[in-house]
N, C-alpha and C. Protein backbone atom coordinates (compact mmCIF):
# COMPACT_ATOMS: atom_id res chain seq x y z
N ARG A 1 10.96 -8.09 9.96
CA ARG A 1 9.93 -7.23 9.39
C ARG A 1 10.20 -6.95 7.92
N VAL A 2 9.15 -6.77 7.20
CA VAL A 2 9.23 -6.53 5.76
C VAL A 2 9.92 -5.21 5.44
N SER A 3 9.75 -4.22 6.28
CA SER A 3 10.33 -2.91 6.01
C SER A 3 11.86 -2.97 5.98
N LEU A 4 12.45 -3.90 6.69
CA LEU A 4 13.91 -4.01 6.76
C LEU A 4 14.51 -4.62 5.50
N GLU A 5 13.73 -5.34 4.73
CA GLU A 5 14.23 -5.99 3.52
C GLU A 5 14.78 -5.01 2.50
N HIS A 6 14.27 -3.80 2.49
CA HIS A 6 14.69 -2.79 1.51
C HIS A 6 15.30 -1.57 2.21
N GLY A 7 15.96 -1.78 3.33
CA GLY A 7 16.65 -0.70 4.02
C GLY A 7 15.76 0.19 4.85
N GLY A 8 14.61 -0.29 5.26
CA GLY A 8 13.70 0.50 6.08
C GLY A 8 14.09 0.48 7.55
N TYR A 9 13.22 1.03 8.37
CA TYR A 9 13.47 1.15 9.80
C TYR A 9 12.66 0.15 10.61
N HIS A 10 13.19 -0.19 11.78
CA HIS A 10 12.46 -1.07 12.72
C HIS A 10 11.18 -0.41 13.19
N THR A 11 11.23 0.90 13.42
CA THR A 11 10.08 1.66 13.90
C THR A 11 9.17 1.97 12.72
N PRO A 12 7.98 1.37 12.65
CA PRO A 12 7.11 1.48 11.48
C PRO A 12 6.80 2.90 11.01
N TYR A 13 6.50 3.84 11.92
CA TYR A 13 6.08 5.17 11.50
C TYR A 13 7.21 6.00 10.88
N LEU A 14 8.46 5.54 11.00
CA LEU A 14 9.59 6.25 10.39
C LEU A 14 9.76 5.91 8.91
N ASN A 15 9.14 4.86 8.45
CA ASN A 15 9.27 4.43 7.06
C ASN A 15 8.41 5.30 6.15
N GLU A 16 9.02 5.82 5.09
CA GLU A 16 8.30 6.60 4.10
C GLU A 16 7.90 5.74 2.91
N THR A 17 8.61 4.65 2.69
CA THR A 17 8.34 3.74 1.58
C THR A 17 8.26 2.32 2.12
N LEU A 18 7.30 1.57 1.60
CA LEU A 18 7.17 0.18 2.00
C LEU A 18 6.93 -0.66 0.75
N TYR A 19 7.78 -1.66 0.55
CA TYR A 19 7.70 -2.53 -0.61
C TYR A 19 7.07 -3.87 -0.21
N LEU A 20 5.86 -4.10 -0.65
CA LEU A 20 5.16 -5.35 -0.35
C LEU A 20 4.68 -6.01 -1.65
N HIS A 21 5.41 -5.81 -2.72
CA HIS A 21 5.03 -6.37 -4.01
C HIS A 21 5.60 -7.79 -4.17
N PHE A 22 4.94 -8.57 -5.01
CA PHE A 22 5.34 -9.96 -5.29
C PHE A 22 5.44 -10.81 -4.03
N LYS A 23 4.53 -10.64 -3.09
CA LYS A 23 4.56 -11.40 -1.84
C LYS A 23 3.46 -12.45 -1.76
N GLY A 24 2.49 -12.41 -2.67
CA GLY A 24 1.39 -13.37 -2.63
C GLY A 24 0.32 -13.04 -1.61
N TYR A 25 0.30 -11.82 -1.12
CA TYR A 25 -0.71 -11.41 -0.13
C TYR A 25 -2.10 -11.38 -0.75
N ARG A 26 -3.11 -11.67 0.05
CA ARG A 26 -4.51 -11.64 -0.38
C ARG A 26 -5.29 -10.50 0.25
N ARG A 27 -4.78 -9.95 1.36
CA ARG A 27 -5.45 -8.85 2.06
C ARG A 27 -4.43 -7.77 2.41
N ILE A 28 -4.88 -6.53 2.36
CA ILE A 28 -4.07 -5.41 2.83
C ILE A 28 -4.37 -5.24 4.31
N GLU A 29 -3.39 -5.51 5.15
CA GLU A 29 -3.63 -5.45 6.58
C GLU A 29 -2.32 -5.21 7.34
N ASN A 30 -2.45 -4.90 8.63
CA ASN A 30 -1.32 -4.70 9.53
C ASN A 30 -0.45 -3.50 9.17
N LEU A 31 -1.06 -2.47 8.61
CA LEU A 31 -0.31 -1.25 8.27
C LEU A 31 -0.63 -0.10 9.22
N GLU A 32 -1.33 -0.36 10.29
CA GLU A 32 -1.78 0.68 11.21
C GLU A 32 -0.64 1.54 11.74
N GLU A 33 0.51 0.96 12.00
CA GLU A 33 1.63 1.70 12.60
C GLU A 33 2.47 2.44 11.56
N TYR A 34 2.21 2.22 10.28
CA TYR A 34 3.02 2.85 9.22
C TYR A 34 2.42 4.19 8.79
N THR A 35 2.21 5.07 9.74
CA THR A 35 1.52 6.33 9.47
C THR A 35 2.35 7.33 8.67
N GLY A 36 3.64 7.14 8.57
CA GLY A 36 4.50 8.07 7.83
C GLY A 36 4.71 7.71 6.37
N LEU A 37 4.04 6.69 5.88
CA LEU A 37 4.25 6.24 4.50
C LEU A 37 3.88 7.30 3.48
N LYS A 38 4.75 7.45 2.50
CA LYS A 38 4.48 8.33 1.37
C LYS A 38 4.36 7.54 0.08
N SER A 39 4.93 6.34 0.08
CA SER A 39 4.90 5.48 -1.10
C SER A 39 4.68 4.04 -0.66
N LEU A 40 3.68 3.39 -1.26
CA LEU A 40 3.32 2.02 -0.89
C LEU A 40 3.22 1.16 -2.14
N TRP A 41 4.08 0.17 -2.21
CA TRP A 41 4.16 -0.74 -3.36
C TRP A 41 3.46 -2.04 -3.02
N LEU A 42 2.27 -2.24 -3.58
CA LEU A 42 1.47 -3.44 -3.32
C LEU A 42 1.16 -4.21 -4.60
N HIS A 43 1.86 -3.91 -5.66
CA HIS A 43 1.53 -4.53 -6.93
C HIS A 43 1.93 -6.01 -6.99
N SER A 44 1.28 -6.72 -7.89
CA SER A 44 1.57 -8.14 -8.17
C SER A 44 1.36 -9.04 -6.96
N ASN A 45 0.23 -8.88 -6.31
CA ASN A 45 -0.19 -9.77 -5.23
C ASN A 45 -1.52 -10.39 -5.64
N GLY A 46 -2.42 -10.60 -4.71
CA GLY A 46 -3.72 -11.16 -5.04
C GLY A 46 -4.87 -10.40 -4.40
N PHE A 47 -4.70 -9.09 -4.22
CA PHE A 47 -5.72 -8.29 -3.54
C PHE A 47 -6.98 -8.18 -4.38
N GLY A 48 -8.11 -8.45 -3.75
CA GLY A 48 -9.40 -8.31 -4.41
C GLY A 48 -10.13 -7.06 -3.95
N THR A 49 -9.63 -6.46 -2.85
CA THR A 49 -10.26 -5.29 -2.26
C THR A 49 -9.19 -4.32 -1.76
N ILE A 50 -9.46 -3.03 -1.96
CA ILE A 50 -8.61 -2.01 -1.36
C ILE A 50 -9.17 -1.76 0.03
N GLU A 51 -8.36 -2.00 1.06
CA GLU A 51 -8.85 -1.86 2.43
C GLU A 51 -7.73 -1.52 3.39
N ASN A 52 -8.11 -1.01 4.55
CA ASN A 52 -7.18 -0.77 5.66
C ASN A 52 -6.03 0.19 5.35
N ILE A 53 -6.28 1.20 4.50
CA ILE A 53 -5.23 2.18 4.21
C ILE A 53 -5.70 3.62 4.42
N SER A 54 -6.93 3.84 4.83
CA SER A 54 -7.47 5.20 4.95
C SER A 54 -6.76 6.04 6.00
N HIS A 55 -5.99 5.43 6.87
CA HIS A 55 -5.24 6.15 7.90
C HIS A 55 -3.89 6.68 7.40
N LEU A 56 -3.53 6.35 6.17
CA LEU A 56 -2.24 6.76 5.61
C LEU A 56 -2.36 8.14 4.96
N HIS A 57 -2.56 9.15 5.77
CA HIS A 57 -2.85 10.50 5.30
C HIS A 57 -1.70 11.15 4.53
N GLN A 58 -0.47 10.70 4.74
CA GLN A 58 0.68 11.27 4.04
C GLN A 58 1.00 10.55 2.73
N LEU A 59 0.27 9.48 2.44
CA LEU A 59 0.56 8.67 1.26
C LEU A 59 0.38 9.47 -0.02
N ARG A 60 1.42 9.47 -0.84
CA ARG A 60 1.41 10.21 -2.11
C ARG A 60 1.34 9.27 -3.31
N CYS A 61 1.95 8.10 -3.19
CA CYS A 61 2.00 7.15 -4.31
C CYS A 61 1.53 5.78 -3.85
N LEU A 62 0.58 5.22 -4.59
CA LEU A 62 0.02 3.91 -4.26
C LEU A 62 0.02 3.05 -5.52
N PHE A 63 0.75 1.95 -5.46
CA PHE A 63 0.91 1.06 -6.60
C PHE A 63 0.17 -0.25 -6.36
N LEU A 64 -0.95 -0.42 -7.04
CA LEU A 64 -1.81 -1.59 -6.87
C LEU A 64 -2.03 -2.34 -8.19
N GLN A 65 -1.17 -2.12 -9.15
CA GLN A 65 -1.33 -2.80 -10.44
C GLN A 65 -1.09 -4.30 -10.29
N ARG A 66 -1.65 -5.04 -11.24
CA ARG A 66 -1.50 -6.50 -11.31
C ARG A 66 -1.97 -7.22 -10.04
N ASN A 67 -3.19 -6.92 -9.62
CA ASN A 67 -3.85 -7.61 -8.52
C ASN A 67 -5.16 -8.18 -9.06
N ALA A 68 -6.14 -8.37 -8.21
CA ALA A 68 -7.44 -8.90 -8.64
C ALA A 68 -8.55 -7.92 -8.29
N LEU A 69 -8.24 -6.64 -8.34
CA LEU A 69 -9.22 -5.61 -7.98
C LEU A 69 -10.28 -5.45 -9.06
N THR A 70 -11.53 -5.33 -8.63
CA THR A 70 -12.63 -5.13 -9.58
C THR A 70 -13.37 -3.82 -9.31
N LYS A 71 -13.06 -3.17 -8.18
CA LYS A 71 -13.75 -1.95 -7.81
C LYS A 71 -12.78 -0.98 -7.14
N ILE A 72 -12.89 0.31 -7.48
CA ILE A 72 -12.09 1.33 -6.83
C ILE A 72 -12.88 1.84 -5.64
N GLU A 73 -12.39 1.57 -4.44
CA GLU A 73 -13.10 1.95 -3.22
C GLU A 73 -12.13 2.10 -2.05
N ASN A 74 -12.64 2.66 -0.97
CA ASN A 74 -11.90 2.78 0.28
C ASN A 74 -10.62 3.61 0.17
N LEU A 75 -10.68 4.66 -0.62
CA LEU A 75 -9.54 5.56 -0.76
C LEU A 75 -9.74 6.85 0.03
N HIS A 76 -10.84 6.94 0.80
CA HIS A 76 -11.08 8.12 1.61
C HIS A 76 -9.97 8.27 2.65
N GLY A 77 -9.63 9.50 2.94
CA GLY A 77 -8.56 9.76 3.89
C GLY A 77 -7.19 9.92 3.24
N LEU A 78 -7.08 9.53 1.98
CA LEU A 78 -5.80 9.63 1.28
C LEU A 78 -5.72 10.97 0.55
N ASN A 79 -5.76 12.04 1.30
CA ASN A 79 -5.84 13.39 0.74
C ASN A 79 -4.55 13.85 0.06
N SER A 80 -3.44 13.20 0.33
CA SER A 80 -2.16 13.58 -0.27
C SER A 80 -1.84 12.76 -1.51
N LEU A 81 -2.69 11.83 -1.86
CA LEU A 81 -2.43 10.92 -2.98
C LEU A 81 -2.37 11.67 -4.31
N VAL A 82 -1.25 11.50 -5.03
CA VAL A 82 -1.10 12.13 -6.34
C VAL A 82 -0.84 11.11 -7.44
N GLN A 83 -0.46 9.91 -7.07
CA GLN A 83 -0.21 8.85 -8.05
C GLN A 83 -0.86 7.55 -7.59
N LEU A 84 -1.72 7.00 -8.46
CA LEU A 84 -2.42 5.76 -8.17
C LEU A 84 -2.35 4.88 -9.41
N ASP A 85 -1.75 3.71 -9.29
CA ASP A 85 -1.65 2.79 -10.41
C ASP A 85 -2.53 1.59 -10.14
N LEU A 86 -3.59 1.44 -10.94
CA LEU A 86 -4.52 0.32 -10.85
C LEU A 86 -4.53 -0.50 -12.13
N SER A 87 -3.53 -0.35 -12.95
CA SER A 87 -3.50 -1.03 -14.25
C SER A 87 -3.40 -2.55 -14.08
N GLU A 88 -3.86 -3.24 -15.09
CA GLU A 88 -3.79 -4.70 -15.18
C GLU A 88 -4.42 -5.43 -14.00
N ASN A 89 -5.61 -5.00 -13.60
CA ASN A 89 -6.38 -5.69 -12.58
C ASN A 89 -7.51 -6.46 -13.25
N ALA A 90 -8.24 -7.25 -12.47
CA ALA A 90 -9.31 -8.09 -13.02
C ALA A 90 -10.39 -7.30 -13.70
């Protein structure tokens, strides 16, 4: 699992930080079980859409810089968000 690469836990909901940067991903997906995330690093991939993260109610920091985003959308439900980096997108 990706969470283990940076000292995370096997059990997804126990992880507070998840590093998924520089992976070449095209879609944000399979994060349903990571409900305890407070920091999510998704920068430097190929995301064209912000999706599948509205269930991350504890998320405080979201890093989406250097992707292919053209529209800010689908951030509903992220009521704890205090830091959002969307710099250097398309």
